[in-house]
């Protein structure tokens, strides 16, 4: 049984399914990109849901600041 099985989106009522997504987060005034994060994603509107233990793991890894697989440059645009 999958974690999100039987769950519906709180916004549109769509079915939530498990997917792997990329997540960009700001930690200590720096952006960190997490790849292949397990998430519940609404099939209708695309809203993402994350389990508490997943978010805790991401926070712990980001705050350590060591062990990143690689670093990338990110373009910046101004309007």
PDB file of N, CA and C in Angstrom:
ATOM      1  N   UNK A   1       0.843  -1.187   0.000  1.00  0.00           N
ATOM      2  CA  UNK A   1       0.000   0.000   0.000  1.00  0.00           C
ATOM      3  C   UNK A   1       0.886   1.247   0.000  1.00  0.00           C
ATOM      4  N   UNK A   2       0.570   2.142  -0.850  1.00  0.00           N
ATOM      5  CA  UNK A   2       1.329   3.378  -0.989  1.00  0.00           C
ATOM      6  C   UNK A   2       0.837   4.401   0.043  1.00  0.00           C
ATOM      7  N   UNK A   3       1.724   5.306   0.479  1.00  0.00           N
ATOM      8  CA  UNK A   3       1.432   6.266   1.543  1.00  0.00           C
ATOM      9  C   UNK A   3       0.200   7.125   1.242  1.00  0.00           C
ATOM     10  N   UNK A   4       0.062   7.577   0.001  1.00  0.00           N
ATOM     11  CA  UNK A   4      -1.016   8.511  -0.345  1.00  0.00           C
ATOM     12  C   UNK A   4      -2.282   7.813  -0.851  1.00  0.00           C
ATOM     13  N   UNK A   5      -2.317   6.497  -0.845  1.00  0.00           N
ATOM     14  CA  UNK A   5      -3.472   5.756  -1.367  1.00  0.00           C
ATOM     15  C   UNK A   5      -4.743   6.118  -0.608  1.00  0.00           C
ATOM     16  N   UNK A   6      -5.793   6.428  -1.353  1.00  0.00           N
ATOM     17  CA  UNK A   6      -7.074   6.764  -0.757  1.00  0.00           C
ATOM     18  C   UNK A   6      -7.204   8.214  -0.331  1.00  0.00           C
ATOM     19  N   UNK A   7      -6.167   9.021  -0.553  1.00  0.00           N
ATOM     20  CA  UNK A   7      -6.202  10.432  -0.167  1.00  0.00           C
ATOM     21  C   UNK A   7      -6.669  11.287  -1.343  1.00  0.00           C
ATOM     22  N   UNK A   8      -7.382  12.359  -1.023  1.00  0.00           N
ATOM     23  CA  UNK A   8      -7.851  13.291  -2.036  1.00  0.00           C
ATOM     24  C   UNK A   8      -7.327  14.684  -1.734  1.00  0.00           C
ATOM     25  N   UNK A   9      -7.161  15.463  -2.785  1.00  0.00           N
ATOM     26  CA  UNK A   9      -6.664  16.832  -2.683  1.00  0.00           C
ATOM     27  C   UNK A   9      -7.628  17.691  -1.876  1.00  0.00           C
ATOM     28  N   UNK A  10      -7.090  18.469  -0.965  1.00  0.00           N
ATOM     29  CA  UNK A  10      -7.928  19.341  -0.141  1.00  0.00           C
ATOM     30  C   UNK A  10      -8.453  20.544  -0.912  1.00  0.00           C
ATOM     31  N   UNK A  11      -7.887  20.830  -2.087  1.00  0.00           N
ATOM     32  CA  UNK A  11      -8.302  21.987  -2.878  1.00  0.00           C
ATOM     33  C   UNK A  11      -9.333  21.645  -3.951  1.00  0.00           C
ATOM     34  N   UNK A  12      -9.103  20.550  -4.690  1.00  0.00           N
ATOM     35  CA  UNK A  12      -9.998  20.242  -5.808  1.00  0.00           C
ATOM     36  C   UNK A  12     -10.679  18.874  -5.685  1.00  0.00           C
ATOM     37  N   UNK A  13     -10.238  18.068  -4.713  1.00  0.00           N
ATOM     38  CA  UNK A  13     -10.831  16.748  -4.532  1.00  0.00           C
ATOM     39  C   UNK A  13     -10.241  15.670  -5.419  1.00  0.00           C
ATOM     40  N   UNK A  14      -9.233  16.017  -6.226  1.00  0.00           N
ATOM     41  CA  UNK A  14      -8.600  15.046  -7.115  1.00  0.00           C
ATOM     42  C   UNK A  14      -7.862  13.957  -6.348  1.00  0.00           C
ATOM     43  N   UNK A  15      -7.512  12.905  -7.050  1.00  0.00           N
ATOM     44  CA  UNK A  15      -6.811  11.774  -6.453  1.00  0.00           C
ATOM     45  C   UNK A  15      -5.330  12.107  -6.321  1.00  0.00           C
ATOM     46  N   UNK A  16      -4.762  11.799  -5.153  1.00  0.00           N
ATOM     47  CA  UNK A  16      -3.341  12.034  -4.906  1.00  0.00           C
ATOM     48  C   UNK A  16      -2.583  10.747  -5.175  1.00  0.00           C
ATOM     49  N   UNK A  17      -1.527  10.862  -5.979  1.00  0.00           N
ATOM     50  CA  UNK A  17      -0.681   9.719  -6.290  1.00  0.00           C
ATOM     51  C   UNK A  17       0.760  10.004  -5.918  1.00  0.00           C
ATOM     52  N   UNK A  18       1.513   8.959  -5.644  1.00  0.00           N
ATOM     53  CA  UNK A  18       2.924   9.085  -5.280  1.00  0.00           C
ATOM     54  C   UNK A  18       3.764   9.342  -6.525  1.00  0.00           C
ATOM     55  N   UNK A  19       4.630  10.353  -6.440  1.00  0.00           N
ATOM     56  CA  UNK A  19       5.571  10.663  -7.520  1.00  0.00           C
ATOM     57  C   UNK A  19       6.890  11.103  -6.918  1.00  0.00           C
ATOM     58  N   UNK A  20       7.917  11.118  -7.740  1.00  0.00           N
ATOM     59  CA  UNK A  20       9.220  11.675  -7.363  1.00  0.00           C
ATOM     60  C   UNK A  20       9.334  13.026  -8.043  1.00  0.00           C
ATOM     61  N   UNK A  21       9.638  14.070  -7.257  1.00  0.00           N
ATOM     62  CA  UNK A  21       9.686  15.432  -7.782  1.00  0.00           C
ATOM     63  C   UNK A  21      10.988  16.108  -7.374  1.00  0.00           C
ATOM     64  N   UNK A  22      11.285  17.225  -8.034  1.00  0.00           N
ATOM     65  CA  UNK A  22      12.397  18.075  -7.630  1.00  0.00           C
ATOM     66  C   UNK A  22      11.815  19.205  -6.796  1.00  0.00           C
ATOM     67  N   UNK A  23      12.529  19.598  -5.749  1.00  0.00           N
ATOM     68  CA  UNK A  23      12.026  20.594  -4.821  1.00  0.00           C
ATOM     69  C   UNK A  23      13.107  21.633  -4.550  1.00  0.00           C
ATOM     70  N   UNK A  24      12.796  22.890  -4.830  1.00  0.00           N
ATOM     71  CA  UNK A  24      13.718  23.993  -4.585  1.00  0.00           C
ATOM     72  C   UNK A  24      13.311  24.654  -3.275  1.00  0.00           C
ATOM     73  N   UNK A  25      14.249  24.727  -2.319  1.00  0.00           N
ATOM     74  CA  UNK A  25      13.960  25.320  -1.009  1.00  0.00           C
ATOM     75  C   UNK A  25      15.045  26.335  -0.652  1.00  0.00           C
ATOM     76  N   UNK A  26      14.660  27.342   0.108  1.00  0.00           N
ATOM     77  CA  UNK A  26      15.606  28.333   0.598  1.00  0.00           C
ATOM     78  C   UNK A  26      15.992  27.963   2.027  1.00  0.00           C
ATOM     79  N   UNK A  27      17.294  27.766   2.243  1.00  0.00           N
ATOM     80  CA  UNK A  27      17.805  27.382   3.555  1.00  0.00           C
ATOM     81  C   UNK A  27      18.972  28.307   3.887  1.00  0.00           C
ATOM     82  N   UNK A  28      18.849  29.014   4.999  1.00  0.00           N
ATOM     83  CA  UNK A  28      19.916  29.947   5.411  1.00  0.00           C
ATOM     84  C   UNK A  28      20.298  30.912   4.300  1.00  0.00           C
ATOM     85  N   UNK A  29      19.310  31.503   3.660  1.00  0.00           N
ATOM     86  CA  UNK A  29      19.485  32.490   2.591  1.00  0.00           C
ATOM     87  C   UNK A  29      20.162  31.944   1.335  1.00  0.00           C
ATOM     88  N   UNK A  30      20.173  30.638   1.176  1.00  0.00           N
ATOM     89  CA  UNK A  30      20.694  30.007  -0.032  1.00  0.00           C
ATOM     90  C   UNK A  30      19.659  29.016  -0.540  1.00  0.00           C
ATOM     91  N   UNK A  31      19.595  28.881  -1.852  1.00  0.00           N
ATOM     92  CA  UNK A  31      18.665  27.919  -2.432  1.00  0.00           C
ATOM     93  C   UNK A  31      19.337  26.558  -2.551  1.00  0.00           C
ATOM     94  N   UNK A  32      18.563  25.535  -2.254  1.00  0.00           N
ATOM     95  CA  UNK A  32      19.026  24.153  -2.328  1.00  0.00           C
ATOM     96  C   UNK A  32      18.028  23.391  -3.188  1.00  0.00           C
ATOM     97  N   UNK A  33      18.527  22.597  -4.115  1.00  0.00           N
ATOM     98  CA  UNK A  33      17.678  21.781  -4.980  1.00  0.00           C
ATOM     99  C   UNK A  33      17.749  20.330  -4.525  1.00  0.00           C
ATOM    100  N   UNK A  34      16.610  19.785  -4.167  1.00  0.00           N
ATOM    101  CA  UNK A  34      16.508  18.374  -3.806  1.00  0.00           C
ATOM    102  C   UNK A  34      15.907  17.635  -4.983  1.00  0.00           C
ATOM    103  N   UNK A  35      16.536  16.551  -5.402  1.00  0.00           N
ATOM    104  CA  UNK A  35      16.078  15.767  -6.540  1.00  0.00           C
ATOM    105  C   UNK A  35      15.447  14.474  -6.046  1.00  0.00           C
ATOM    106  N   UNK A  36      14.474  13.977  -6.799  1.00  0.00           N
ATOM    107  CA  UNK A  36      13.833  12.683  -6.527  1.00  0.00           C
ATOM    108  C   UNK A  36      13.194  12.593  -5.145  1.00  0.00           C
ATOM    109  N   UNK A  37      12.487  13.638  -4.749  1.00  0.00           N
ATOM    110  CA  UNK A  37      11.825  13.681  -3.449  1.00  0.00           C
ATOM    111  C   UNK A  37      10.457  12.997  -3.564  1.00  0.00           C
ATOM    112  N   UNK A  38      10.149  12.052  -2.677  1.00  0.00           N
ATOM    113  CA  UNK A  38       8.825  11.429  -2.724  1.00  0.00           C
ATOM    114  C   UNK A  38       7.756  12.428  -2.287  1.00  0.00           C
ATOM    115  N   UNK A  39       6.698  12.519  -3.065  1.00  0.00           N
ATOM    116  CA  UNK A  39       5.619  13.462  -2.767  1.00  0.00           C
ATOM    117  C   UNK A  39       4.296  12.886  -3.233  1.00  0.00           C
ATOM    118  N   UNK A  40       3.237  13.361  -2.609  1.00  0.00           N
ATOM    119  CA  UNK A  40       1.900  13.082  -3.097  1.00  0.00           C
ATOM    120  C   UNK A  40       1.532  14.220  -4.029  1.00  0.00           C
ATOM    121  N   UNK A  41       1.102  13.908  -5.252  1.00  0.00           N
ATOM    122  CA  UNK A  41       0.774  14.940  -6.232  1.00  0.00           C
ATOM    123  C   UNK A  41      -0.646  14.719  -6.736  1.00  0.00           C
ATOM    124  N   UNK A  42      -1.455  15.781  -6.677  1.00  0.00           N
ATOM    125  CA  UNK A  42      -2.839  15.705  -7.153  1.00  0.00           C
ATOM    126  C   UNK A  42      -2.852  15.535  -8.666  1.00  0.00           C
ATOM    127  N   UNK A  43      -3.601  14.561  -9.137  1.00  0.00           N
ATOM    128  CA  UNK A  43      -3.708  14.288 -10.571  1.00  0.00           C
ATOM    129  C   UNK A  43      -4.477  15.382 -11.307  1.00  0.00           C
ATOM    130  N   UNK A  44      -5.290  16.157 -10.598  1.00  0.00           N
ATOM    131  CA  UNK A  44      -6.099  17.200 -11.232  1.00  0.00           C
ATOM    132  C   UNK A  44      -5.402  18.553 -11.268  1.00  0.00           C
ATOM    133  N   UNK A  45      -4.997  19.055 -10.104  1.00  0.00           N
ATOM    134  CA  UNK A  45      -4.458  20.423 -10.034  1.00  0.00           C
ATOM    135  C   UNK A  45      -2.947  20.495  -9.815  1.00  0.00           C
ATOM    136  N   UNK A  46      -2.320  19.354  -9.494  1.00  0.00           N
ATOM    137  CA  UNK A  46      -0.865  19.328  -9.338  1.00  0.00           C
ATOM    138  C   UNK A  46      -0.346  19.743  -7.967  1.00  0.00           C
ATOM    139  N   UNK A  47      -1.240  20.008  -7.023  1.00  0.00           N
ATOM    140  CA  UNK A  47      -0.796  20.354  -5.675  1.00  0.00           C
ATOM    141  C   UNK A  47       0.063  19.238  -5.119  1.00  0.00           C
ATOM    142  N   UNK A  48       1.164  19.634  -4.460  1.00  0.00           N
ATOM    143  CA  UNK A  48       2.085  18.650  -3.892  1.00  0.00           C
ATOM    144  C   UNK A  48       1.910  18.553  -2.391  1.00  0.00           C
ATOM    145  N   UNK A  49       2.033  17.334  -1.887  1.00  0.00           N
ATOM    146  CA  UNK A  49       1.976  17.063  -0.456  1.00  0.00           C
ATOM    147  C   UNK A  49       3.226  16.283  -0.076  1.00  0.00           C
ATOM    148  N   UNK A  50       3.801  16.625   1.084  1.00  0.00           N
ATOM    149  CA  UNK A  50       5.016  15.966   1.551  1.00  0.00           C
ATOM    150  C   UNK A  50       4.772  15.399   2.946  1.00  0.00           C
ATOM    151  N   UNK A  51       5.233  14.186   3.178  1.00  0.00           N
ATOM    152  CA  UNK A  51       5.133  13.586   4.505  1.00  0.00           C
ATOM    153  C   UNK A  51       6.095  14.306   5.447  1.00  0.00           C
ATOM    154  N   UNK A  52       5.736  14.393   6.706  1.00  0.00           N
ATOM    155  CA  UNK A  52       6.546  15.106   7.700  1.00  0.00           C
ATOM    156  C   UNK A  52       7.960  14.539   7.796  1.00  0.00           C
ATOM    157  N   UNK A  53       8.103  13.222   7.742  1.00  0.00           N
ATOM    158  CA  UNK A  53       9.438  12.632   7.852  1.00  0.00           C
ATOM    159  C   UNK A  53      10.318  12.981   6.652  1.00  0.00           C
ATOM    160  N   UNK A  54       9.722  13.150   5.487  1.00  0.00           N
ATOM    161  CA  UNK A  54      10.477  13.558   4.294  1.00  0.00           C
ATOM    162  C   UNK A  54      10.984  14.990   4.465  1.00  0.00           C
ATOM    163  N   UNK A  55      10.110  15.892   4.919  1.00  0.00           N
ATOM    164  CA  UNK A  55      10.518  17.284   5.130  1.00  0.00           C
ATOM    165  C   UNK A  55      11.600  17.394   6.193  1.00  0.00           C
ATOM    166  N   UNK A  56      11.512  16.603   7.242  1.00  0.00           N
ATOM    167  CA  UNK A  56      12.529  16.608   8.295  1.00  0.00           C
ATOM    168  C   UNK A  56      13.871  16.142   7.746  1.00  0.00           C
ATOM    169  N   UNK A  57      13.865  15.110   6.925  1.00  0.00           N
ATOM    170  CA  UNK A  57      15.094  14.614   6.311  1.00  0.00           C
ATOM    171  C   UNK A  57      15.723  15.682   5.420  1.00  0.00           C
ATOM    172  N   UNK A  58      14.902  16.371   4.627  1.00  0.00           N
ATOM    173  CA  UNK A  58      15.412  17.429   3.753  1.00  0.00           C
ATOM    174  C   UNK A  58      16.031  18.556   4.571  1.00  0.00           C
ATOM    175  N   UNK A  59      15.360  18.958   5.622  1.00  0.00           N
ATOM    176  CA  UNK A  59      15.860  20.041   6.472  1.00  0.00           C
ATOM    177  C   UNK A  59      17.200  19.666   7.107  1.00  0.00           C
ATOM    178  N   UNK A  60      17.295  18.453   7.614  1.00  0.00           N
ATOM    179  CA  UNK A  60      18.532  17.991   8.248  1.00  0.00           C
ATOM    180  C   UNK A  60      19.687  17.994   7.252  1.00  0.00           C
ATOM    181  N   UNK A  61      19.465  17.477   6.071  1.00  0.00           N
ATOM    182  CA  UNK A  61      20.525  17.433   5.055  1.00  0.00           C
ATOM    183  C   UNK A  61      20.944  18.826   4.618  1.00  0.00           C
ATOM    184  N   UNK A  62      19.991  19.710   4.438  1.00  0.00           N
ATOM    185  CA  UNK A  62      20.295  21.065   3.975  1.00  0.00           C
ATOM    186  C   UNK A  62      21.068  21.850   5.032  1.00  0.00           C
ATOM    187  N   UNK A  63      20.707  21.697   6.285  1.00  0.00           N
ATOM    188  CA  UNK A  63      21.370  22.451   7.344  1.00  0.00           C
ATOM    189  C   UNK A  63      22.784  21.957   7.614  1.00  0.00           C
ATOM    190  N   UNK A  64      23.047  20.677   7.343  1.00  0.00           N
ATOM    191  CA  UNK A  64      24.412  20.160   7.488  1.00  0.00           C
ATOM    192  C   UNK A  64      25.337  20.839   6.498  1.00  0.00           C
ATOM    193  N   UNK A  65      24.809  21.087   5.304  1.00  0.00           N
ATOM    194  CA  UNK A  65      25.571  21.789   4.289  1.00  0.00           C
ATOM    195  C   UNK A  65      26.684  20.990   3.638  1.00  0.00           C
ATOM    196  N   UNK A  66      26.859  19.772   4.040  1.00  0.00           N
ATOM    197  CA  UNK A  66      27.914  18.938   3.465  1.00  0.00           C
ATOM    198  C   UNK A  66      27.285  17.755   2.750  1.00  0.00           C
ATOM    199  N   UNK A  67      28.034  17.168   1.853  1.00  0.00           N
ATOM    200  CA  UNK A  67      27.572  15.954   1.206  1.00  0.00           C
ATOM    201  C   UNK A  67      26.686  16.156  -0.001  1.00  0.00           C
ATOM    202  N   UNK A  68      26.628  17.396  -0.505  1.00  0.00           N
ATOM    203  CA  UNK A  68      25.841  17.618  -1.718  1.00  0.00           C
ATOM    204  C   UNK A  68      26.476  16.851  -2.878  1.00  0.00           C
ATOM    205  N   UNK A  69      25.641  16.277  -3.722  1.00  0.00           N
ATOM    206  CA  UNK A  69      26.143  15.519  -4.872  1.00  0.00           C
ATOM    207  C   UNK A  69      26.937  16.403  -5.820  1.00  0.00           C
ATOM    208  N   UNK A  70      26.408  17.615  -6.030  1.00  0.00           N
ATOM    209  CA  UNK A  70      27.053  18.550  -6.938  1.00  0.00           C
ATOM    210  C   UNK A  70      26.472  19.934  -6.721  1.00  0.00           C
ATOM    211  N   UNK A  71      27.108  20.928  -7.310  1.00  0.00           N
ATOM    212  CA  UNK A  71      26.611  22.296  -7.255  1.00  0.00           C
ATOM    213  C   UNK A  71      26.357  22.765  -8.673  1.00  0.00           C
ATOM    214  N   UNK A  72      25.307  23.587  -8.833  1.00  0.00           N
ATOM    215  CA  UNK A  72      24.970  24.107 -10.153  1.00  0.00           C
ATOM    216  C   UNK A  72      24.808  25.622 -10.073  1.00  0.00           C
ATOM    217  N   UNK A  73      25.016  26.269 -11.189  1.00  0.00           N
ATOM    218  CA  UNK A  73      24.743  27.699 -11.271  1.00  0.00           C
ATOM    219  C   UNK A  73      23.294  27.884 -11.678  1.00  0.00           C
ATOM    220  N   UNK A  74      22.687  28.955 -11.194  1.00  0.00           N
ATOM    221  CA  UNK A  74      21.287  29.205 -11.479  1.00  0.00           C
ATOM    222  C   UNK A  74      21.149  30.593 -12.095  1.00  0.00           C
ATOM    223  N   UNK A  75      20.463  30.718 -13.234  1.00  0.00           N
ATOM    224  CA  UNK A  75      20.266  32.038 -13.828  1.00  0.00           C
ATOM    225  C   UNK A  75      19.335  32.894 -12.973  1.00  0.00           C
ATOM    226  N   UNK A  76      19.594  34.190 -12.990  1.00  0.00           N
ATOM    227  CA  UNK A  76      18.776  35.142 -12.234  1.00  0.00           C
ATOM    228  C   UNK A  76      18.226  36.185 -13.197  1.00  0.00           C
ATOM    229  N   UNK A  77      16.936  36.458 -13.100  1.00  0.00           N
ATOM    230  CA  UNK A  77      16.279  37.431 -13.966  1.00  0.00           C
ATOM    231  C   UNK A  77      15.644  38.527 -13.109  1.00  0.00           C
ATOM    232  N   UNK A  78      15.662  39.741 -13.594  1.00  0.00           N
ATOM    233  CA  UNK A  78      14.991  40.867 -12.940  1.00  0.00           C
ATOM    234  C   UNK A  78      13.906  41.392 -13.862  1.00  0.00           C
ATOM    235  N   UNK A  79      12.826  41.839 -13.288  1.00  0.00           N
ATOM    236  CA  UNK A  79      11.736  42.431 -14.066  1.00  0.00           C
ATOM    237  C   UNK A  79      11.677  43.916 -13.803  1.00  0.00           C
TER     238      UNK A  79
END
